[in-house]
């Protein structure tokens, strides 16, 4: 009797893992088809398959919430990276100003994403969409800080690219969730 309960639990767990893995794969596949210029299937799938909350997702709406949380975490991480870079005493004032602006941009992006998450949960999709799109501006504007002066390269290019991808996935997942 005890073994049949254990077998049932194992079966249920494997079924749940299979369903969530299929949800991630299918949602990322749809997202890559909706925005093939930006969203790459491999990046999307690997980003969510490693996330315990995504693994327990049962709907695309769950993945929207997970993707927004991931983008918020990423924005916070970029803020920490920027603070570390600002500790370098040999930075030129142009670089220092650019990094300070990037830090401010990511702080705003985090706030926008918080608002997007709250709006999405309240089914206020228009506000959630506006907030996500506003947050997508952060990495582009951060990169632009360093393009203003010839010969300078943003020290945050990799981070900016990842954040852009994460927020764009949130935007496209939200579109998929709304279509039902």
N, C-alpha and C. Protein backbone atom coordinates (compact mmCIF):
# COMPACT_ATOMS: atom_id res chain seq x y z
N UNK A 1 0.82 -1.19 0.00
CA UNK A 1 0.00 0.00 0.00
C UNK A 1 0.87 1.26 0.00
N UNK A 2 1.90 1.24 0.85
CA UNK A 2 2.80 2.38 0.95
C UNK A 2 3.52 2.61 -0.39
N UNK A 3 3.95 1.52 -1.03
CA UNK A 3 4.63 1.64 -2.31
C UNK A 3 3.72 2.22 -3.39
N UNK A 4 2.43 1.91 -3.35
CA UNK A 4 1.52 2.46 -4.37
C UNK A 4 1.35 3.96 -4.18
N UNK A 5 1.37 4.43 -2.93
CA UNK A 5 1.29 5.88 -2.67
C UNK A 5 2.54 6.57 -3.19
N UNK A 6 3.68 5.97 -2.92
CA UNK A 6 4.94 6.54 -3.39
C UNK A 6 4.96 6.55 -4.92
N UNK A 7 4.53 5.47 -5.52
CA UNK A 7 4.49 5.40 -6.98
C UNK A 7 3.56 6.47 -7.55
N UNK A 8 2.43 6.67 -6.90
CA UNK A 8 1.48 7.69 -7.36
C UNK A 8 2.09 9.08 -7.24
N UNK A 9 2.78 9.34 -6.15
CA UNK A 9 3.42 10.64 -5.96
C UNK A 9 4.51 10.88 -7.00
N UNK A 10 5.31 9.86 -7.24
CA UNK A 10 6.38 9.98 -8.24
C UNK A 10 5.77 10.23 -9.62
N UNK A 11 4.72 9.49 -9.96
CA UNK A 11 4.06 9.67 -11.25
C UNK A 11 3.51 11.09 -11.38
N UNK A 12 2.83 11.57 -10.32
CA UNK A 12 2.27 12.92 -10.33
C UNK A 12 3.37 13.96 -10.50
N UNK A 13 4.47 13.80 -9.78
CA UNK A 13 5.59 14.73 -9.87
C UNK A 13 6.15 14.75 -11.29
N UNK A 14 6.38 13.59 -11.87
CA UNK A 14 6.92 13.51 -13.23
C UNK A 14 5.95 14.12 -14.24
N UNK A 15 4.67 13.92 -14.03
CA UNK A 15 3.66 14.51 -14.90
C UNK A 15 3.69 16.03 -14.79
N UNK A 16 3.81 16.55 -13.58
CA UNK A 16 3.87 17.98 -13.35
C UNK A 16 5.11 18.59 -13.99
N UNK A 17 6.25 17.96 -13.82
CA UNK A 17 7.50 18.43 -14.43
C UNK A 17 7.37 18.42 -15.94
N UNK A 18 6.78 17.38 -16.49
CA UNK A 18 6.60 17.27 -17.93
C UNK A 18 5.69 18.37 -18.46
N UNK A 19 4.59 18.64 -17.75
CA UNK A 19 3.65 19.68 -18.17
C UNK A 19 4.32 21.04 -18.15
N UNK A 20 5.05 21.36 -17.06
CA UNK A 20 5.69 22.67 -16.98
C UNK A 20 6.80 22.81 -18.01
N UNK A 21 7.53 21.74 -18.26
CA UNK A 21 8.58 21.78 -19.29
C UNK A 21 7.96 22.03 -20.66
N UNK A 22 6.84 21.37 -20.94
CA UNK A 22 6.14 21.59 -22.20
C UNK A 22 5.62 23.02 -22.28
N UNK A 23 5.10 23.55 -21.18
CA UNK A 23 4.60 24.93 -21.15
C UNK A 23 5.73 25.91 -21.47
N UNK A 24 6.87 25.71 -20.86
CA UNK A 24 8.02 26.58 -21.11
C UNK A 24 8.43 26.48 -22.57
N UNK A 25 8.58 25.28 -23.07
CA UNK A 25 8.99 25.06 -24.47
C UNK A 25 7.98 25.67 -25.44
N UNK A 26 6.69 25.40 -25.22
CA UNK A 26 5.66 25.92 -26.12
C UNK A 26 5.57 27.45 -26.05
N UNK A 27 5.65 28.01 -24.85
CA UNK A 27 5.56 29.46 -24.69
C UNK A 27 6.76 30.16 -25.31
N UNK A 28 7.93 29.61 -25.09
CA UNK A 28 9.14 30.20 -25.69
C UNK A 28 9.10 30.06 -27.21
N UNK A 29 8.59 28.96 -27.69
CA UNK A 29 8.47 28.76 -29.13
C UNK A 29 7.53 29.81 -29.74
N UNK A 30 6.38 30.04 -29.10
CA UNK A 30 5.44 31.05 -29.56
C UNK A 30 6.07 32.44 -29.51
N UNK A 31 6.78 32.72 -28.43
CA UNK A 31 7.43 34.03 -28.27
C UNK A 31 8.47 34.25 -29.37
N UNK A 32 9.25 33.23 -29.66
CA UNK A 32 10.28 33.34 -30.70
C UNK A 32 9.65 33.55 -32.07
N UNK A 33 8.49 32.96 -32.30
CA UNK A 33 7.79 33.16 -33.57
C UNK A 33 7.16 34.55 -33.66
N UNK A 34 6.67 35.06 -32.54
CA UNK A 34 6.06 36.39 -32.53
C UNK A 34 7.10 37.50 -32.65
N UNK A 35 8.29 37.28 -32.12
CA UNK A 35 9.36 38.29 -32.17
C UNK A 35 10.69 37.63 -32.53
N UNK A 36 10.78 37.13 -33.78
CA UNK A 36 11.98 36.38 -34.17
C UNK A 36 13.26 37.22 -34.24
N UNK A 37 13.12 38.53 -34.36
CA UNK A 37 14.31 39.39 -34.41
C UNK A 37 15.02 39.47 -33.07
N UNK A 38 14.26 39.32 -32.00
CA UNK A 38 14.83 39.51 -30.66
C UNK A 38 14.90 38.23 -29.84
N UNK A 39 13.81 37.50 -29.79
CA UNK A 39 13.73 36.37 -28.86
C UNK A 39 14.26 35.11 -29.52
N UNK A 40 15.27 34.56 -28.91
CA UNK A 40 15.88 33.31 -29.37
C UNK A 40 15.38 32.18 -28.47
N UNK A 41 14.91 31.13 -29.11
CA UNK A 41 14.30 30.01 -28.40
C UNK A 41 15.22 29.44 -27.32
N UNK A 42 16.47 29.20 -27.64
CA UNK A 42 17.40 28.61 -26.68
C UNK A 42 17.56 29.47 -25.43
N UNK A 43 17.71 30.78 -25.62
CA UNK A 43 17.86 31.69 -24.49
C UNK A 43 16.62 31.65 -23.61
N UNK A 44 15.47 31.71 -24.24
CA UNK A 44 14.20 31.71 -23.51
C UNK A 44 14.04 30.43 -22.70
N UNK A 45 14.20 29.30 -23.35
CA UNK A 45 14.00 28.01 -22.68
C UNK A 45 15.01 27.84 -21.54
N UNK A 46 16.27 28.10 -21.79
CA UNK A 46 17.28 27.90 -20.74
C UNK A 46 17.06 28.85 -19.57
N UNK A 47 16.55 30.02 -19.85
CA UNK A 47 16.30 30.99 -18.79
C UNK A 47 15.19 30.53 -17.86
N UNK A 48 14.20 29.85 -18.39
CA UNK A 48 13.07 29.44 -17.57
C UNK A 48 13.18 28.03 -17.02
N UNK A 49 13.84 27.15 -17.74
CA UNK A 49 13.98 25.78 -17.23
C UNK A 49 14.84 25.72 -15.98
N UNK A 50 15.68 26.71 -15.78
CA UNK A 50 16.50 26.75 -14.58
C UNK A 50 15.83 27.48 -13.42
N UNK A 51 14.62 27.96 -13.62
CA UNK A 51 13.92 28.74 -12.61
C UNK A 51 12.85 27.88 -11.94
N UNK A 52 12.97 27.63 -10.64
CA UNK A 52 12.00 26.76 -9.95
C UNK A 52 10.55 27.25 -10.07
N UNK A 53 10.34 28.56 -10.04
CA UNK A 53 8.98 29.08 -10.16
C UNK A 53 8.42 28.82 -11.56
N UNK A 54 9.27 28.92 -12.57
CA UNK A 54 8.82 28.63 -13.94
C UNK A 54 8.49 27.16 -14.08
N UNK A 55 9.26 26.31 -13.41
CA UNK A 55 9.01 24.87 -13.49
C UNK A 55 7.66 24.50 -12.89
N UNK A 56 7.18 25.29 -11.94
CA UNK A 56 5.88 24.98 -11.34
C UNK A 56 4.74 25.76 -12.00
N UNK A 57 5.05 26.52 -13.04
CA UNK A 57 4.02 27.28 -13.75
C UNK A 57 3.07 26.33 -14.48
N UNK A 58 1.80 26.71 -14.47
CA UNK A 58 0.80 25.90 -15.17
C UNK A 58 0.14 26.64 -16.32
N UNK A 59 0.38 27.97 -16.38
CA UNK A 59 -0.20 28.79 -17.45
C UNK A 59 0.85 29.79 -17.94
N UNK A 60 0.58 30.35 -19.09
CA UNK A 60 1.47 31.40 -19.62
C UNK A 60 1.43 32.61 -18.69
N UNK A 61 0.28 32.88 -18.09
CA UNK A 61 0.19 33.99 -17.13
C UNK A 61 1.17 33.80 -15.98
N UNK A 62 1.33 32.56 -15.53
CA UNK A 62 2.33 32.28 -14.50
C UNK A 62 3.73 32.63 -15.00
N UNK A 63 4.00 32.32 -16.27
CA UNK A 63 5.31 32.62 -16.84
C UNK A 63 5.52 34.13 -17.00
N UNK A 64 4.45 34.87 -17.25
CA UNK A 64 4.57 36.34 -17.31
C UNK A 64 5.08 36.84 -15.97
N UNK A 65 4.46 36.38 -14.90
CA UNK A 65 4.86 36.81 -13.56
C UNK A 65 6.30 36.40 -13.26
N UNK A 66 6.67 35.20 -13.63
CA UNK A 66 8.04 34.72 -13.41
C UNK A 66 9.03 35.55 -14.23
N UNK A 67 8.67 35.86 -15.46
CA UNK A 67 9.59 36.63 -16.32
C UNK A 67 9.76 38.05 -15.80
N UNK A 68 8.70 38.64 -15.29
CA UNK A 68 8.81 39.99 -14.71
C UNK A 68 9.71 39.95 -13.48
N UNK A 69 9.52 38.95 -12.63
CA UNK A 69 10.38 38.79 -11.44
C UNK A 69 11.84 38.62 -11.84
N UNK A 70 12.09 37.83 -12.89
CA UNK A 70 13.47 37.62 -13.35
C UNK A 70 14.07 38.93 -13.85
N UNK A 71 13.28 39.73 -14.55
CA UNK A 71 13.78 41.01 -15.06
C UNK A 71 14.06 41.98 -13.91
N UNK A 72 13.20 41.97 -12.88
CA UNK A 72 13.43 42.83 -11.71
C UNK A 72 14.73 42.42 -11.02
N UNK A 73 14.94 41.14 -10.84
CA UNK A 73 16.17 40.63 -10.23
C UNK A 73 17.38 41.05 -11.06
N UNK A 74 17.24 40.96 -12.37
CA UNK A 74 18.33 41.33 -13.26
C UNK A 74 18.63 42.83 -13.16
N UNK A 75 17.58 43.67 -13.10
CA UNK A 75 17.78 45.12 -12.96
C UNK A 75 18.52 45.44 -11.67
N UNK A 76 18.15 44.75 -10.59
CA UNK A 76 18.82 44.95 -9.30
C UNK A 76 20.29 44.54 -9.39
N UNK A 77 20.54 43.44 -10.07
CA UNK A 77 21.91 42.96 -10.25
C UNK A 77 22.74 43.97 -11.04
N UNK A 78 22.15 44.53 -12.06
CA UNK A 78 22.87 45.53 -12.87
C UNK A 78 23.17 46.77 -12.02
N UNK A 79 22.24 47.12 -11.14
CA UNK A 79 22.51 48.24 -10.22
C UNK A 79 23.72 47.95 -9.35
N UNK A 80 23.84 46.71 -8.87
CA UNK A 80 25.00 46.33 -8.05
C UNK A 80 26.29 46.35 -8.86
N UNK A 81 26.22 45.87 -10.09
CA UNK A 81 27.40 45.88 -10.97
C UNK A 81 27.84 47.32 -11.22
N UNK A 82 26.87 48.18 -11.46
CA UNK A 82 27.17 49.60 -11.72
C UNK A 82 27.83 50.23 -10.50
N UNK A 83 27.34 49.93 -9.31
CA UNK A 83 27.94 50.47 -8.08
C UNK A 83 29.38 50.03 -7.94
N UNK A 84 29.64 48.76 -8.25
CA UNK A 84 31.03 48.25 -8.19
C UNK A 84 31.92 48.98 -9.20
N UNK A 85 31.40 49.18 -10.41
CA UNK A 85 32.18 49.88 -11.43
C UNK A 85 32.46 51.32 -11.01
N UNK A 86 31.54 51.94 -10.32
CA UNK A 86 31.72 53.33 -9.88
C UNK A 86 32.77 53.46 -8.78
N UNK A 87 33.15 52.35 -8.15
CA UNK A 87 34.19 52.38 -7.13
C UNK A 87 35.58 52.61 -7.73
N UNK A 88 35.70 52.38 -9.03
CA UNK A 88 36.99 52.56 -9.72
C UNK A 88 37.33 54.05 -9.75
N UNK A 89 38.39 54.42 -9.07
CA UNK A 89 38.80 55.83 -8.95
C UNK A 89 39.38 56.39 -10.25
N UNK A 90 39.77 55.50 -11.18
CA UNK A 90 40.41 55.99 -12.41
C UNK A 90 39.42 56.25 -13.56
N UNK A 91 38.14 56.18 -13.27
CA UNK A 91 37.14 56.44 -14.31
C UNK A 91 37.19 57.91 -14.72
N UNK A 92 37.03 58.13 -16.01
CA UNK A 92 36.89 59.51 -16.48
C UNK A 92 35.51 60.01 -16.08
N UNK A 93 35.37 61.32 -15.99
CA UNK A 93 34.08 61.87 -15.56
C UNK A 93 32.96 61.46 -16.52
N UNK A 94 33.26 61.34 -17.79
CA UNK A 94 32.27 60.91 -18.79
C UNK A 94 31.76 59.50 -18.45
N UNK A 95 32.68 58.60 -18.13
CA UNK A 95 32.30 57.23 -17.77
C UNK A 95 31.49 57.20 -16.47
N UNK A 96 31.96 57.97 -15.50
CA UNK A 96 31.29 58.02 -14.20
C UNK A 96 29.85 58.53 -14.37
N UNK A 97 29.69 59.60 -15.15
CA UNK A 97 28.36 60.15 -15.40
C UNK A 97 27.47 59.13 -16.13
N UNK A 98 28.05 58.44 -17.10
CA UNK A 98 27.29 57.43 -17.84
C UNK A 98 26.83 56.31 -16.93
N UNK A 99 27.71 55.85 -16.05
CA UNK A 99 27.35 54.78 -15.12
C UNK A 99 26.28 55.24 -14.12
N UNK A 100 26.40 56.48 -13.66
CA UNK A 100 25.38 57.00 -12.74
C UNK A 100 24.03 57.07 -13.43
N UNK A 101 24.03 57.50 -14.68
CA UNK A 101 22.77 57.55 -15.43
C UNK A 101 22.20 56.15 -15.64
N UNK A 102 23.08 55.19 -15.94
CA UNK A 102 22.62 53.81 -16.11
C UNK A 102 22.02 53.28 -14.81
N UNK A 103 22.65 53.59 -13.69
CA UNK A 103 22.14 53.15 -12.40
C UNK A 103 20.74 53.71 -12.17
N UNK A 104 20.56 54.98 -12.47
CA UNK A 104 19.25 55.62 -12.33
C UNK A 104 18.23 54.98 -13.28
N UNK A 105 18.64 54.71 -14.52
CA UNK A 105 17.75 54.10 -15.50
C UNK A 105 17.27 52.72 -15.03
N UNK A 106 18.18 51.94 -14.47
CA UNK A 106 17.81 50.61 -14.00
C UNK A 106 16.96 50.66 -12.73
N UNK A 107 17.16 51.68 -11.93
CA UNK A 107 16.29 51.87 -10.77
C UNK A 107 14.86 52.15 -11.25
N UNK A 108 14.74 53.02 -12.24
CA UNK A 108 13.43 53.31 -12.83
C UNK A 108 12.83 52.06 -13.47
N UNK A 109 13.66 51.31 -14.18
CA UNK A 109 13.18 50.09 -14.84
C UNK A 109 12.63 49.10 -13.82
N UNK A 110 13.33 48.96 -12.70
CA UNK A 110 12.85 48.06 -11.64
C UNK A 110 11.50 48.50 -11.12
N UNK A 111 11.33 49.81 -10.93
CA UNK A 111 10.04 50.34 -10.47
C UNK A 111 8.95 50.11 -11.50
N UNK A 112 9.28 50.33 -12.77
CA UNK A 112 8.31 50.08 -13.84
C UNK A 112 7.89 48.62 -13.87
N UNK A 113 8.85 47.73 -13.70
CA UNK A 113 8.54 46.31 -13.72
C UNK A 113 7.71 45.89 -12.51
N UNK A 114 7.98 46.50 -11.36
CA UNK A 114 7.14 46.24 -10.18
C UNK A 114 5.69 46.61 -10.50
N UNK A 115 5.54 47.80 -11.10
CA UNK A 115 4.20 48.25 -11.48
C UNK A 115 3.57 47.34 -12.52
N UNK A 116 4.38 46.87 -13.45
CA UNK A 116 3.87 45.95 -14.48
C UNK A 116 3.37 44.66 -13.84
N UNK A 117 4.12 44.14 -12.90
CA UNK A 117 3.71 42.91 -12.23
C UNK A 117 2.39 43.09 -11.48
N UNK A 118 2.27 44.20 -10.77
CA UNK A 118 1.03 44.48 -10.03
C UNK A 118 -0.14 44.68 -10.99
N UNK A 119 0.09 45.43 -12.05
CA UNK A 119 -0.97 45.68 -13.03
C UNK A 119 -1.39 44.37 -13.71
N UNK A 120 -0.42 43.53 -14.03
CA UNK A 120 -0.76 42.26 -14.68
C UNK A 120 -1.61 41.39 -13.76
N UNK A 121 -1.23 41.30 -12.51
CA UNK A 121 -2.00 40.50 -11.55
C UNK A 121 -3.43 41.03 -11.41
N UNK A 122 -3.58 42.36 -11.55
CA UNK A 122 -4.90 42.99 -11.46
C UNK A 122 -5.64 42.94 -12.80
N UNK A 123 -5.03 42.29 -13.79
CA UNK A 123 -5.59 42.16 -15.14
C UNK A 123 -5.73 43.51 -15.85
N UNK A 124 -4.88 44.45 -15.46
CA UNK A 124 -4.82 45.74 -16.13
C UNK A 124 -3.69 45.66 -17.15
N UNK A 125 -3.98 44.99 -18.26
CA UNK A 125 -2.95 44.65 -19.24
C UNK A 125 -2.38 45.87 -19.95
N UNK A 126 -3.19 46.89 -20.15
CA UNK A 126 -2.69 48.10 -20.82
C UNK A 126 -1.59 48.75 -20.00
N UNK A 127 -1.83 48.91 -18.70
CA UNK A 127 -0.83 49.51 -17.82
C UNK A 127 0.40 48.61 -17.71
N UNK A 128 0.17 47.32 -17.58
CA UNK A 128 1.30 46.39 -17.50
C UNK A 128 2.16 46.49 -18.76
N UNK A 129 1.53 46.56 -19.91
CA UNK A 129 2.27 46.67 -21.17
C UNK A 129 3.07 47.96 -21.26
N UNK A 130 2.47 49.06 -20.85
CA UNK A 130 3.17 50.35 -20.87
C UNK A 130 4.38 50.30 -19.95
N UNK A 131 4.20 49.73 -18.76
CA UNK A 131 5.31 49.65 -17.80
C UNK A 131 6.44 48.75 -18.30
N UNK A 132 6.09 47.66 -18.95
CA UNK A 132 7.14 46.77 -19.49
C UNK A 132 7.90 47.48 -20.61
N UNK A 133 7.17 48.13 -21.51
CA UNK A 133 7.83 48.84 -22.61
C UNK A 133 8.72 49.96 -22.07
N UNK A 134 8.26 50.65 -21.02
CA UNK A 134 9.09 51.70 -20.41
C UNK A 134 10.38 51.12 -19.86
N UNK A 135 10.30 49.94 -19.28
CA UNK A 135 11.51 49.32 -18.71
C UNK A 135 12.48 48.87 -19.81
N UNK A 136 11.94 48.54 -20.97
CA UNK A 136 12.79 48.11 -22.09
C UNK A 136 13.70 49.24 -22.57
N UNK A 137 13.30 50.47 -22.28
CA UNK A 137 14.10 51.63 -22.68
C UNK A 137 15.42 51.72 -21.92
N UNK A 138 15.48 51.18 -20.71
CA UNK A 138 16.68 51.33 -19.86
C UNK A 138 17.96 50.85 -20.54
N UNK A 139 18.01 49.63 -21.06
CA UNK A 139 19.28 49.18 -21.64
C UNK A 139 19.68 49.97 -22.88
N UNK A 140 18.70 50.38 -23.66
CA UNK A 140 19.03 51.16 -24.87
C UNK A 140 19.58 52.53 -24.49
N UNK A 141 18.91 53.17 -23.52
CA UNK A 141 19.38 54.49 -23.08
C UNK A 141 20.71 54.39 -22.35
N UNK A 142 20.93 53.31 -21.63
CA UNK A 142 22.21 53.10 -20.95
C UNK A 142 23.34 52.98 -21.98
N UNK A 143 23.11 52.19 -23.01
CA UNK A 143 24.12 52.05 -24.07
C UNK A 143 24.40 53.40 -24.73
N UNK A 144 23.34 54.17 -24.95
CA UNK A 144 23.50 55.48 -25.61
C UNK A 144 24.37 56.43 -24.79
N UNK A 145 24.40 56.25 -23.47
CA UNK A 145 25.24 57.10 -22.61
C UNK A 145 26.71 57.05 -23.05
N UNK A 146 27.12 55.89 -23.53
CA UNK A 146 28.54 55.69 -23.85
C UNK A 146 28.84 55.92 -25.32
N UNK A 147 27.82 55.98 -26.14
CA UNK A 147 28.03 56.22 -27.57
C UNK A 147 28.22 57.70 -27.87
N UNK A 148 27.94 58.54 -26.88
CA UNK A 148 28.02 59.99 -27.08
C UNK A 148 29.45 60.46 -27.30
N UNK A 149 30.40 59.70 -26.78
CA UNK A 149 31.80 60.11 -26.90
C UNK A 149 32.55 59.03 -27.65
N UNK A 150 33.17 59.44 -28.72
CA UNK A 150 33.89 58.50 -29.57
C UNK A 150 34.99 57.78 -28.78
N UNK A 151 35.08 56.46 -29.04
CA UNK A 151 36.13 55.67 -28.42
C UNK A 151 35.70 55.01 -27.11
N UNK A 152 34.54 55.36 -26.59
CA UNK A 152 34.08 54.75 -25.35
C UNK A 152 33.12 53.61 -25.67
N UNK A 153 33.26 52.56 -24.91
CA UNK A 153 32.39 51.39 -25.04
C UNK A 153 31.72 51.19 -23.68
N UNK A 154 30.45 50.91 -23.71
CA UNK A 154 29.73 50.68 -22.47
C UNK A 154 30.29 49.45 -21.76
N UNK A 155 30.58 49.58 -20.46
CA UNK A 155 31.02 48.41 -19.70
C UNK A 155 29.83 47.50 -19.32
N UNK A 156 28.63 47.90 -19.72
CA UNK A 156 27.42 47.15 -19.37
C UNK A 156 26.72 46.54 -20.59
N UNK A 157 27.40 46.46 -21.71
CA UNK A 157 26.75 45.98 -22.93
C UNK A 157 26.14 44.59 -22.75
N UNK A 158 26.88 43.67 -22.18
CA UNK A 158 26.37 42.31 -21.99
C UNK A 158 25.14 42.34 -21.10
N UNK A 159 25.21 43.05 -19.99
CA UNK A 159 24.10 43.14 -19.04
C UNK A 159 22.89 43.82 -19.69
N UNK A 160 23.16 44.88 -20.47
CA UNK A 160 22.07 45.59 -21.16
C UNK A 160 21.35 44.65 -22.13
N UNK A 161 22.11 43.86 -22.85
CA UNK A 161 21.51 42.93 -23.81
C UNK A 161 20.64 41.88 -23.12
N UNK A 162 21.12 41.34 -22.04
CA UNK A 162 20.35 40.32 -21.31
C UNK A 162 19.07 40.93 -20.73
N UNK A 163 19.19 42.11 -20.14
CA UNK A 163 18.00 42.76 -19.58
C UNK A 163 16.97 43.04 -20.68
N UNK A 164 17.44 43.51 -21.81
CA UNK A 164 16.52 43.77 -22.93
C UNK A 164 15.78 42.49 -23.31
N UNK A 165 16.51 41.39 -23.42
CA UNK A 165 15.88 40.12 -23.78
C UNK A 165 14.86 39.67 -22.74
N UNK A 166 15.21 39.79 -21.47
CA UNK A 166 14.29 39.37 -20.41
C UNK A 166 13.00 40.19 -20.42
N UNK A 167 13.14 41.50 -20.59
CA UNK A 167 11.94 42.34 -20.59
C UNK A 167 11.12 42.12 -21.85
N UNK A 168 11.79 41.87 -22.96
CA UNK A 168 11.04 41.62 -24.19
C UNK A 168 10.28 40.29 -24.09
N UNK A 169 10.87 39.30 -23.46
CA UNK A 169 10.17 38.03 -23.24
C UNK A 169 8.93 38.28 -22.38
N UNK A 170 9.04 39.11 -21.35
CA UNK A 170 7.87 39.45 -20.52
C UNK A 170 6.78 40.07 -21.39
N UNK A 171 7.17 40.98 -22.25
CA UNK A 171 6.21 41.67 -23.12
C UNK A 171 5.50 40.68 -24.03
N UNK A 172 6.25 39.79 -24.65
CA UNK A 172 5.66 38.84 -25.60
C UNK A 172 4.85 37.78 -24.86
N UNK A 173 5.32 37.30 -23.72
CA UNK A 173 4.54 36.34 -22.93
C UNK A 173 3.19 36.96 -22.54
N UNK A 174 3.20 38.26 -22.20
CA UNK A 174 1.95 38.90 -21.83
C UNK A 174 0.99 38.92 -23.02
N UNK A 175 1.51 39.17 -24.20
CA UNK A 175 0.68 39.14 -25.41
C UNK A 175 0.09 37.75 -25.61
N UNK A 176 0.89 36.73 -25.42
CA UNK A 176 0.43 35.33 -25.57
C UNK A 176 -0.65 35.02 -24.52
N UNK A 177 -0.42 35.45 -23.28
CA UNK A 177 -1.37 35.19 -22.20
C UNK A 177 -2.72 35.86 -22.48
N UNK A 178 -2.68 37.05 -23.02
CA UNK A 178 -3.92 37.78 -23.32
C UNK A 178 -4.73 37.09 -24.43
N UNK A 179 -4.03 36.48 -25.36
CA UNK A 179 -4.72 35.79 -26.46
C UNK A 179 -5.37 34.51 -25.99
N UNK A 180 -4.89 34.02 -24.84
CA UNK A 180 -5.46 32.84 -24.23
C UNK A 180 -5.09 31.60 -24.91
